[in-house]
């Protein structure tokens, strides 16, 4: 399991559109939003490569000015650990 905390900064005039786009992305959860268009989101996926791809896709959303990963945590899957 891989979890990343990301700050997404959107142009204030596009913040509604960005919020709606964020809510449609698999593995992405919006936790907080400021009036000036900043979002605190988490990305939770099984593979780190998918998390990285998702962060790159955040940059490509219309109205997004930046997306910065501020936290990352990784844990091995329980099934893999139990097999050892």
N, C-alpha and C. Protein backbone atom coordinates (compact mmCIF):
# COMPACT_ATOMS: atom_id res chain seq x y z
N UNK A 1 0.85 -1.17 0.00
CA UNK A 1 0.00 0.00 0.00
C UNK A 1 0.89 1.23 0.00
N UNK A 2 0.59 2.16 -0.86
CA UNK A 2 1.31 3.42 -0.98
C UNK A 2 0.34 4.58 -0.79
N UNK A 3 0.72 5.50 0.07
CA UNK A 3 -0.11 6.67 0.34
C UNK A 3 0.75 7.91 0.15
N UNK A 4 0.21 8.88 -0.57
CA UNK A 4 0.91 10.15 -0.78
C UNK A 4 -0.02 11.29 -0.40
N UNK A 5 0.51 12.28 0.30
CA UNK A 5 -0.21 13.51 0.59
C UNK A 5 0.24 14.56 -0.40
N UNK A 6 -0.71 15.23 -1.02
CA UNK A 6 -0.39 16.18 -2.09
C UNK A 6 -1.15 17.48 -1.86
N UNK A 7 -0.46 18.60 -2.05
CA UNK A 7 -1.10 19.91 -2.07
C UNK A 7 -1.30 20.29 -3.54
N UNK A 8 -2.54 20.51 -3.91
CA UNK A 8 -2.87 20.92 -5.28
C UNK A 8 -3.29 22.38 -5.22
N UNK A 9 -2.65 23.21 -6.02
CA UNK A 9 -2.98 24.64 -6.06
C UNK A 9 -3.63 24.92 -7.41
N UNK A 10 -4.87 25.37 -7.34
CA UNK A 10 -5.64 25.67 -8.56
C UNK A 10 -5.87 27.17 -8.67
N UNK A 11 -6.03 27.62 -9.88
CA UNK A 11 -6.44 29.00 -10.10
C UNK A 11 -7.81 29.17 -9.44
N UNK A 12 -7.99 30.21 -8.63
CA UNK A 12 -9.27 30.38 -7.93
C UNK A 12 -10.48 30.35 -8.86
N UNK A 13 -10.33 30.83 -10.08
CA UNK A 13 -11.50 30.84 -10.96
C UNK A 13 -11.84 29.44 -11.48
N UNK A 14 -10.92 28.49 -11.34
CA UNK A 14 -11.16 27.11 -11.79
C UNK A 14 -11.34 26.13 -10.63
N UNK A 15 -11.42 26.62 -9.39
CA UNK A 15 -11.39 25.70 -8.26
C UNK A 15 -12.58 24.73 -8.24
N UNK A 16 -13.75 25.15 -8.68
CA UNK A 16 -14.89 24.24 -8.72
C UNK A 16 -14.64 23.13 -9.73
N UNK A 17 -14.14 23.49 -10.89
CA UNK A 17 -13.82 22.50 -11.93
C UNK A 17 -12.74 21.54 -11.44
N UNK A 18 -11.72 22.07 -10.78
CA UNK A 18 -10.63 21.22 -10.28
C UNK A 18 -11.15 20.28 -9.20
N UNK A 19 -11.97 20.78 -8.28
CA UNK A 19 -12.54 19.92 -7.23
C UNK A 19 -13.30 18.76 -7.85
N UNK A 20 -14.14 19.06 -8.84
CA UNK A 20 -14.92 18.02 -9.50
C UNK A 20 -14.02 17.01 -10.20
N UNK A 21 -12.96 17.49 -10.82
CA UNK A 21 -12.01 16.58 -11.49
C UNK A 21 -11.29 15.70 -10.48
N UNK A 22 -10.87 16.29 -9.37
CA UNK A 22 -10.18 15.51 -8.34
C UNK A 22 -11.08 14.40 -7.80
N UNK A 23 -12.34 14.70 -7.63
CA UNK A 23 -13.27 13.73 -7.06
C UNK A 23 -13.55 12.55 -8.00
N UNK A 24 -13.21 12.68 -9.27
CA UNK A 24 -13.44 11.59 -10.21
C UNK A 24 -12.23 10.68 -10.38
N UNK A 25 -11.08 11.09 -9.86
CA UNK A 25 -9.86 10.30 -10.04
C UNK A 25 -9.80 9.14 -9.06
N UNK A 26 -9.53 7.95 -9.58
CA UNK A 26 -9.43 6.76 -8.74
C UNK A 26 -8.25 6.89 -7.79
N UNK A 27 -8.47 6.55 -6.52
CA UNK A 27 -7.42 6.58 -5.52
C UNK A 27 -7.18 7.94 -4.90
N UNK A 28 -7.88 8.97 -5.38
CA UNK A 28 -7.69 10.34 -4.88
C UNK A 28 -8.84 10.72 -3.97
N UNK A 29 -8.50 11.28 -2.81
CA UNK A 29 -9.52 11.76 -1.88
C UNK A 29 -9.19 13.20 -1.49
N UNK A 30 -10.16 14.09 -1.59
CA UNK A 30 -10.00 15.49 -1.20
C UNK A 30 -10.35 15.61 0.28
N UNK A 31 -9.42 16.16 1.07
CA UNK A 31 -9.64 16.28 2.51
C UNK A 31 -9.95 17.71 2.95
N UNK A 32 -9.44 18.68 2.21
CA UNK A 32 -9.63 20.08 2.62
C UNK A 32 -9.45 20.97 1.40
N UNK A 33 -10.15 22.09 1.43
CA UNK A 33 -10.06 23.07 0.34
C UNK A 33 -10.08 24.47 0.94
N UNK A 34 -9.21 25.34 0.44
CA UNK A 34 -9.20 26.73 0.91
C UNK A 34 -9.95 27.60 -0.10
N UNK A 35 -10.40 28.78 0.33
CA UNK A 35 -11.11 29.68 -0.58
C UNK A 35 -10.27 30.13 -1.78
N UNK A 36 -8.93 30.11 -1.63
CA UNK A 36 -8.08 30.57 -2.74
C UNK A 36 -7.66 29.45 -3.68
N UNK A 37 -8.26 28.26 -3.55
CA UNK A 37 -8.02 27.20 -4.53
C UNK A 37 -6.93 26.20 -4.20
N UNK A 38 -6.62 26.04 -2.93
CA UNK A 38 -5.64 25.01 -2.54
C UNK A 38 -6.39 23.81 -1.97
N UNK A 39 -5.94 22.63 -2.36
CA UNK A 39 -6.59 21.39 -1.94
C UNK A 39 -5.56 20.50 -1.26
N UNK A 40 -5.97 19.87 -0.18
CA UNK A 40 -5.16 18.83 0.44
C UNK A 40 -5.80 17.51 0.03
N UNK A 41 -5.02 16.68 -0.66
CA UNK A 41 -5.55 15.41 -1.14
C UNK A 41 -4.60 14.28 -0.77
N UNK A 42 -5.15 13.07 -0.71
CA UNK A 42 -4.32 11.89 -0.59
C UNK A 42 -4.54 11.01 -1.81
N UNK A 43 -3.50 10.28 -2.14
CA UNK A 43 -3.56 9.28 -3.20
C UNK A 43 -3.19 7.96 -2.55
N UNK A 44 -4.04 6.97 -2.71
CA UNK A 44 -3.80 5.66 -2.12
C UNK A 44 -3.90 4.60 -3.22
N UNK A 45 -2.79 3.91 -3.45
CA UNK A 45 -2.72 2.90 -4.51
C UNK A 45 -1.81 1.76 -4.07
N UNK A 46 -1.95 0.63 -4.73
CA UNK A 46 -1.11 -0.53 -4.43
C UNK A 46 0.33 -0.34 -4.91
N UNK A 47 0.51 0.28 -6.05
CA UNK A 47 1.84 0.41 -6.64
C UNK A 47 2.30 1.86 -6.65
N UNK A 48 3.59 2.05 -6.30
CA UNK A 48 4.16 3.40 -6.27
C UNK A 48 4.11 4.06 -7.65
N UNK A 49 4.28 3.27 -8.70
CA UNK A 49 4.25 3.84 -10.05
C UNK A 49 2.90 4.46 -10.37
N UNK A 50 1.83 3.87 -9.86
CA UNK A 50 0.49 4.43 -10.10
C UNK A 50 0.34 5.75 -9.35
N UNK A 51 0.90 5.82 -8.13
CA UNK A 51 0.87 7.08 -7.38
C UNK A 51 1.60 8.17 -8.16
N UNK A 52 2.78 7.84 -8.67
CA UNK A 52 3.56 8.81 -9.45
C UNK A 52 2.81 9.26 -10.70
N UNK A 53 2.19 8.31 -11.39
CA UNK A 53 1.40 8.67 -12.58
C UNK A 53 0.23 9.57 -12.22
N UNK A 54 -0.41 9.29 -11.09
CA UNK A 54 -1.55 10.11 -10.66
C UNK A 54 -1.10 11.54 -10.36
N UNK A 55 0.05 11.68 -9.71
CA UNK A 55 0.56 13.03 -9.42
C UNK A 55 0.85 13.77 -10.73
N UNK A 56 1.42 13.09 -11.69
CA UNK A 56 1.67 13.72 -12.99
C UNK A 56 0.35 14.13 -13.65
N UNK A 57 -0.67 13.30 -13.51
CA UNK A 57 -1.98 13.63 -14.09
C UNK A 57 -2.63 14.82 -13.39
N UNK A 58 -2.34 15.01 -12.10
CA UNK A 58 -2.87 16.18 -11.39
C UNK A 58 -2.35 17.46 -12.03
N UNK A 59 -1.09 17.45 -12.42
CA UNK A 59 -0.49 18.63 -13.08
C UNK A 59 -1.19 18.97 -14.39
N UNK A 60 -1.76 17.97 -15.03
CA UNK A 60 -2.37 18.16 -16.35
C UNK A 60 -3.83 18.60 -16.30
N UNK A 61 -4.43 18.61 -15.11
CA UNK A 61 -5.83 19.03 -15.00
C UNK A 61 -5.97 20.51 -15.34
N UNK A 62 -6.98 20.86 -16.11
CA UNK A 62 -7.23 22.26 -16.43
C UNK A 62 -7.44 23.05 -15.15
N UNK A 63 -6.73 24.16 -15.02
CA UNK A 63 -6.87 25.03 -13.87
C UNK A 63 -5.89 24.77 -12.75
N UNK A 64 -5.14 23.66 -12.81
CA UNK A 64 -4.16 23.36 -11.77
C UNK A 64 -2.87 24.12 -12.05
N UNK A 65 -2.41 24.86 -11.05
CA UNK A 65 -1.16 25.61 -11.17
C UNK A 65 0.03 24.77 -10.73
N UNK A 66 -0.18 23.94 -9.68
CA UNK A 66 0.89 23.07 -9.21
C UNK A 66 0.30 21.94 -8.37
N UNK A 67 1.07 20.87 -8.27
CA UNK A 67 0.73 19.75 -7.40
C UNK A 67 2.03 19.27 -6.78
N UNK A 68 2.13 19.33 -5.46
CA UNK A 68 3.37 18.99 -4.79
C UNK A 68 3.13 17.90 -3.75
N UNK A 69 3.89 16.80 -3.88
CA UNK A 69 3.80 15.75 -2.88
C UNK A 69 4.51 16.23 -1.62
N UNK A 70 3.81 16.16 -0.49
CA UNK A 70 4.37 16.62 0.77
C UNK A 70 4.54 15.49 1.77
N UNK A 71 4.02 14.31 1.43
CA UNK A 71 4.13 13.15 2.32
C UNK A 71 4.03 11.89 1.49
N UNK A 72 4.80 10.86 1.87
CA UNK A 72 4.71 9.57 1.20
C UNK A 72 4.96 8.48 2.21
N UNK A 73 4.13 7.44 2.17
CA UNK A 73 4.29 6.30 3.07
C UNK A 73 4.02 5.03 2.28
N UNK A 74 4.82 4.01 2.53
CA UNK A 74 4.65 2.74 1.83
C UNK A 74 4.72 1.60 2.83
N UNK A 75 3.83 0.64 2.69
CA UNK A 75 3.82 -0.56 3.52
C UNK A 75 3.72 -1.77 2.61
N UNK A 76 4.41 -2.85 2.98
CA UNK A 76 4.26 -4.07 2.18
C UNK A 76 2.85 -4.63 2.36
N UNK A 77 2.38 -5.31 1.32
CA UNK A 77 1.08 -5.97 1.43
C UNK A 77 1.14 -7.04 2.50
N UNK A 78 0.08 -7.20 3.28
CA UNK A 78 0.04 -8.19 4.35
C UNK A 78 0.24 -9.60 3.82
N UNK A 79 -0.35 -9.91 2.68
CA UNK A 79 -0.23 -11.25 2.12
C UNK A 79 1.23 -11.59 1.82
N UNK A 80 1.98 -10.65 1.29
CA UNK A 80 3.38 -10.88 0.98
C UNK A 80 4.16 -11.09 2.26
N UNK A 81 3.90 -10.29 3.27
CA UNK A 81 4.59 -10.42 4.55
C UNK A 81 4.28 -11.75 5.21
N UNK A 82 3.04 -12.20 5.15
CA UNK A 82 2.64 -13.45 5.79
C UNK A 82 3.25 -14.67 5.12
N UNK A 83 3.64 -14.57 3.86
CA UNK A 83 4.25 -15.68 3.14
C UNK A 83 5.71 -15.87 3.51
N UNK A 84 6.34 -14.88 4.11
CA UNK A 84 7.77 -14.97 4.46
C UNK A 84 7.99 -15.80 5.70
